[in-house]
Amino acid sequence: KYLSAAAQLFDQKQSCAELLSICSAEGGGEMGHGIVEVTWRLSGIINLPWHPTVEPWTGCTRYHLDKEGLIYMHEEQWDISVWRAFICTLYPEARAWSIWKRDNY
């Protein structure tokens, strides 16, 4: 269901999701059983009535593994703040606001 919902969120013809890197480390992660780290870049058009453009941003997702090798914890880190992503989606002109010069996420 999650993938289906996510696929409907973006205009698939005008959006892009790039896998920049993927790596894993045995013995890493919170429990010491391994970690998988994925770096990605997203951009595109959101399927809302005003079709806001999402400026390109990169992020890193870390999947911490348990002793069975299953994901037990998921972490996200973006190079923009959640606040900026939200505001710029609602108000596309907000990308030009000077307050974002302090946004170091």
C-alpha atoms as a PDB file:
ATOM      1  CA  LYS A   1       0.000   0.000   0.000  1.00  0.00           C
ATOM      2  CA  TYR A   2       2.835   2.407   0.824  1.00  0.00           C
ATOM      3  CA  LEU A   3       4.466   2.035  -2.596  1.00  0.00           C
ATOM      4  CA  SER A   4       1.142   2.479  -4.341  1.00  0.00           C
ATOM      5  CA  ALA A   5       0.400   5.650  -2.365  1.00  0.00           C
ATOM      6  CA  ALA A   6       3.906   7.026  -2.946  1.00  0.00           C
ATOM      7  CA  ALA A   7       3.662   6.305  -6.670  1.00  0.00           C
ATOM      8  CA  GLN A   8       0.448   8.359  -6.836  1.00  0.00           C
ATOM      9  CA  LEU A   9       1.963  11.316  -4.978  1.00  0.00           C
ATOM     10  CA  PHE A  10       4.291  12.405  -7.801  1.00  0.00           C
ATOM     11  CA  ASP A  11       3.612  12.959 -11.509  1.00  0.00           C
ATOM     12  CA  GLN A  12       5.615  10.023 -12.847  1.00  0.00           C
ATOM     13  CA  LYS A  13       6.313  11.704 -16.216  1.00  0.00           C
ATOM     14  CA  GLN A  14       7.787  14.849 -14.658  1.00  0.00           C
ATOM     15  CA  SER A  15       9.452  13.510 -11.521  1.00  0.00           C
ATOM     16  CA  CYS A  16      12.674  11.730 -10.777  1.00  0.00           C
ATOM     17  CA  ALA A  17      14.081   9.526  -8.032  1.00  0.00           C
ATOM     18  CA  GLU A  18      17.770   8.719  -8.356  1.00  0.00           C
ATOM     19  CA  LEU A  19      19.696   6.149  -6.367  1.00  0.00           C
ATOM     20  CA  LEU A  20      23.086   7.770  -5.748  1.00  0.00           C
ATOM     21  CA  SER A  21      24.668   5.056  -3.631  1.00  0.00           C
ATOM     22  CA  ILE A  22      23.954   2.017  -1.525  1.00  0.00           C
ATOM     23  CA  CYS A  23      26.298   0.356   0.922  1.00  0.00           C
ATOM     24  CA  SER A  24      26.120  -2.039   3.830  1.00  0.00           C
ATOM     25  CA  ALA A  25      28.296  -2.803   6.811  1.00  0.00           C
ATOM     26  CA  GLU A  26      28.180  -5.940   8.896  1.00  0.00           C
ATOM     27  CA  GLY A  27      28.532  -5.199  12.575  1.00  0.00           C
ATOM     28  CA  GLY A  28      27.235  -1.646  12.164  1.00  0.00           C
ATOM     29  CA  GLY A  29      23.939  -0.121  13.201  1.00  0.00           C
ATOM     30  CA  GLU A  30      22.282   0.384  16.563  1.00  0.00           C
ATOM     31  CA  MET A  31      22.357  -3.296  17.564  1.00  0.00           C
ATOM     32  CA  GLY A  32      25.663  -4.121  15.897  1.00  0.00           C
ATOM     33  CA  HIS A  33      24.084  -6.612  13.459  1.00  0.00           C
ATOM     34  CA  GLY A  34      24.460  -4.538  10.317  1.00  0.00           C
ATOM     35  CA  ILE A  35      23.290  -1.435   8.536  1.00  0.00           C
ATOM     36  CA  VAL A  36      22.280  -0.600   4.977  1.00  0.00           C
ATOM     37  CA  GLU A  37      22.691   3.023   3.906  1.00  0.00           C
ATOM     38  CA  VAL A  38      21.056   4.437   0.772  1.00  0.00           C
ATOM     39  CA  THR A  39      21.708   7.921  -0.635  1.00  0.00           C
ATOM     40  CA  TRP A  40      19.170   9.330  -3.085  1.00  0.00           C
ATOM     41  CA  ARG A  41      17.948  12.480  -4.881  1.00  0.00           C
ATOM     42  CA  LEU A  42      14.284  13.368  -5.474  1.00  0.00           C
ATOM     43  CA  SER A  43      12.578  16.069  -7.520  1.00  0.00           C
ATOM     44  CA  GLY A  44       9.391  16.510  -9.447  1.00  0.00           C
ATOM     45  CA  ILE A  45       5.782  17.606  -9.597  1.00  0.00           C
ATOM     46  CA  ILE A  46       3.353  16.661  -6.838  1.00  0.00           C
ATOM     47  CA  ASN A  47      -0.134  15.563  -7.851  1.00  0.00           C
ATOM     48  CA  LEU A  48      -1.976  18.345  -6.034  1.00  0.00           C
ATOM     49  CA  PRO A  49      -4.442  20.701  -7.759  1.00  0.00           C
ATOM     50  CA  TRP A  50      -1.807  23.458  -8.165  1.00  0.00           C
ATOM     51  CA  HIS A  51       0.940  20.980  -9.280  1.00  0.00           C
ATOM     52  CA  PRO A  52       3.764  22.282  -7.067  1.00  0.00           C
ATOM     53  CA  THR A  53       7.314  21.602  -8.169  1.00  0.00           C
ATOM     54  CA  VAL A  54       9.530  19.960  -5.585  1.00  0.00           C
ATOM     55  CA  GLU A  55      13.032  21.332  -5.834  1.00  0.00           C
ATOM     56  CA  PRO A  56      15.715  18.626  -6.014  1.00  0.00           C
ATOM     57  CA  TRP A  57      16.949  17.471  -2.639  1.00  0.00           C
ATOM     58  CA  THR A  58      19.133  14.628  -1.499  1.00  0.00           C
ATOM     59  CA  GLY A  59      18.744  12.379   1.445  1.00  0.00           C
ATOM     60  CA  CYS A  60      20.150   9.370   3.187  1.00  0.00           C
ATOM     61  CA  THR A  61      18.135   6.449   4.532  1.00  0.00           C
ATOM     62  CA  ARG A  62      19.694   4.085   7.063  1.00  0.00           C
ATOM     63  CA  TYR A  63      18.200   0.671   7.730  1.00  0.00           C
ATOM     64  CA  HIS A  64      19.443  -0.896  10.974  1.00  0.00           C
ATOM     65  CA  LEU A  65      19.299  -4.699  11.032  1.00  0.00           C
ATOM     66  CA  ASP A  66      18.484  -7.076  13.875  1.00  0.00           C
ATOM     67  CA  LYS A  67      20.162 -10.452  14.514  1.00  0.00           C
ATOM     68  CA  GLU A  68      17.902 -12.119  11.912  1.00  0.00           C
ATOM     69  CA  GLY A  69      18.992  -9.577   9.304  1.00  0.00           C
ATOM     70  CA  LEU A  70      15.578  -7.877   9.274  1.00  0.00           C
ATOM     71  CA  ILE A  71      15.086  -4.122   9.391  1.00  0.00           C
ATOM     72  CA  TYR A  72      14.153  -3.028  12.893  1.00  0.00           C
ATOM     73  CA  MET A  73      14.856   0.717  12.613  1.00  0.00           C
ATOM     74  CA  HIS A  74      14.700   3.243   9.796  1.00  0.00           C
ATOM     75  CA  GLU A  75      16.340   6.702   9.846  1.00  0.00           C
ATOM     76  CA  GLU A  76      16.012   9.539   7.327  1.00  0.00           C
ATOM     77  CA  GLN A  77      18.203  12.580   6.841  1.00  0.00           C
ATOM     78  CA  TRP A  78      17.516  15.267   4.204  1.00  0.00           C
ATOM     79  CA  ASP A  79      19.645  18.164   3.026  1.00  0.00           C
ATOM     80  CA  ILE A  80      16.612  20.457   3.510  1.00  0.00           C
ATOM     81  CA  SER A  81      14.399  20.761   6.559  1.00  0.00           C
ATOM     82  CA  VAL A  82      10.980  19.119   6.693  1.00  0.00           C
ATOM     83  CA  TRP A  83       9.588  22.593   7.379  1.00  0.00           C
ATOM     84  CA  ARG A  84      11.094  23.966   4.146  1.00  0.00           C
ATOM     85  CA  ALA A  85       9.837  21.011   2.108  1.00  0.00           C
ATOM     86  CA  PHE A  86       6.322  21.464   3.499  1.00  0.00           C
ATOM     87  CA  ILE A  87       6.146  25.261   3.107  1.00  0.00           C
ATOM     88  CA  CYS A  88       7.601  25.220  -0.411  1.00  0.00           C
ATOM     89  CA  THR A  89       5.041  22.602  -1.437  1.00  0.00           C
ATOM     90  CA  LEU A  90       2.148  24.724  -0.199  1.00  0.00           C
ATOM     91  CA  TYR A  91       3.627  28.030  -1.405  1.00  0.00           C
ATOM     92  CA  PRO A  92       5.997  27.508  -4.369  1.00  0.00           C
ATOM     93  CA  GLU A  93       7.031  31.184  -4.270  1.00  0.00           C
ATOM     94  CA  ALA A  94       8.488  30.502  -0.805  1.00  0.00           C
ATOM     95  CA  ARG A  95      11.646  29.070  -2.407  1.00  0.00           C
ATOM     96  CA  ALA A  96      12.815  32.666  -2.953  1.00  0.00           C
ATOM     97  CA  TRP A  97      12.333  33.716   0.688  1.00  0.00           C
ATOM     98  CA  SER A  98      15.535  34.871   2.372  1.00  0.00           C
ATOM     99  CA  ILE A  99      14.850  32.821   5.520  1.00  0.00           C
ATOM    100  CA  TRP A 100      16.091  29.671   3.739  1.00  0.00           C
ATOM    101  CA  LYS A 101      19.644  31.002   3.635  1.00  0.00           C
ATOM    102  CA  ARG A 102      19.818  29.880   7.287  1.00  0.00           C
ATOM    103  CA  ASP A 103      18.409  26.408   6.454  1.00  0.00           C
ATOM    104  CA  ASN A 104      21.377  24.087   6.938  1.00  0.00           C
ATOM    105  CA  TYR A 105      19.567  20.715   7.006  1.00  0.00           C
END
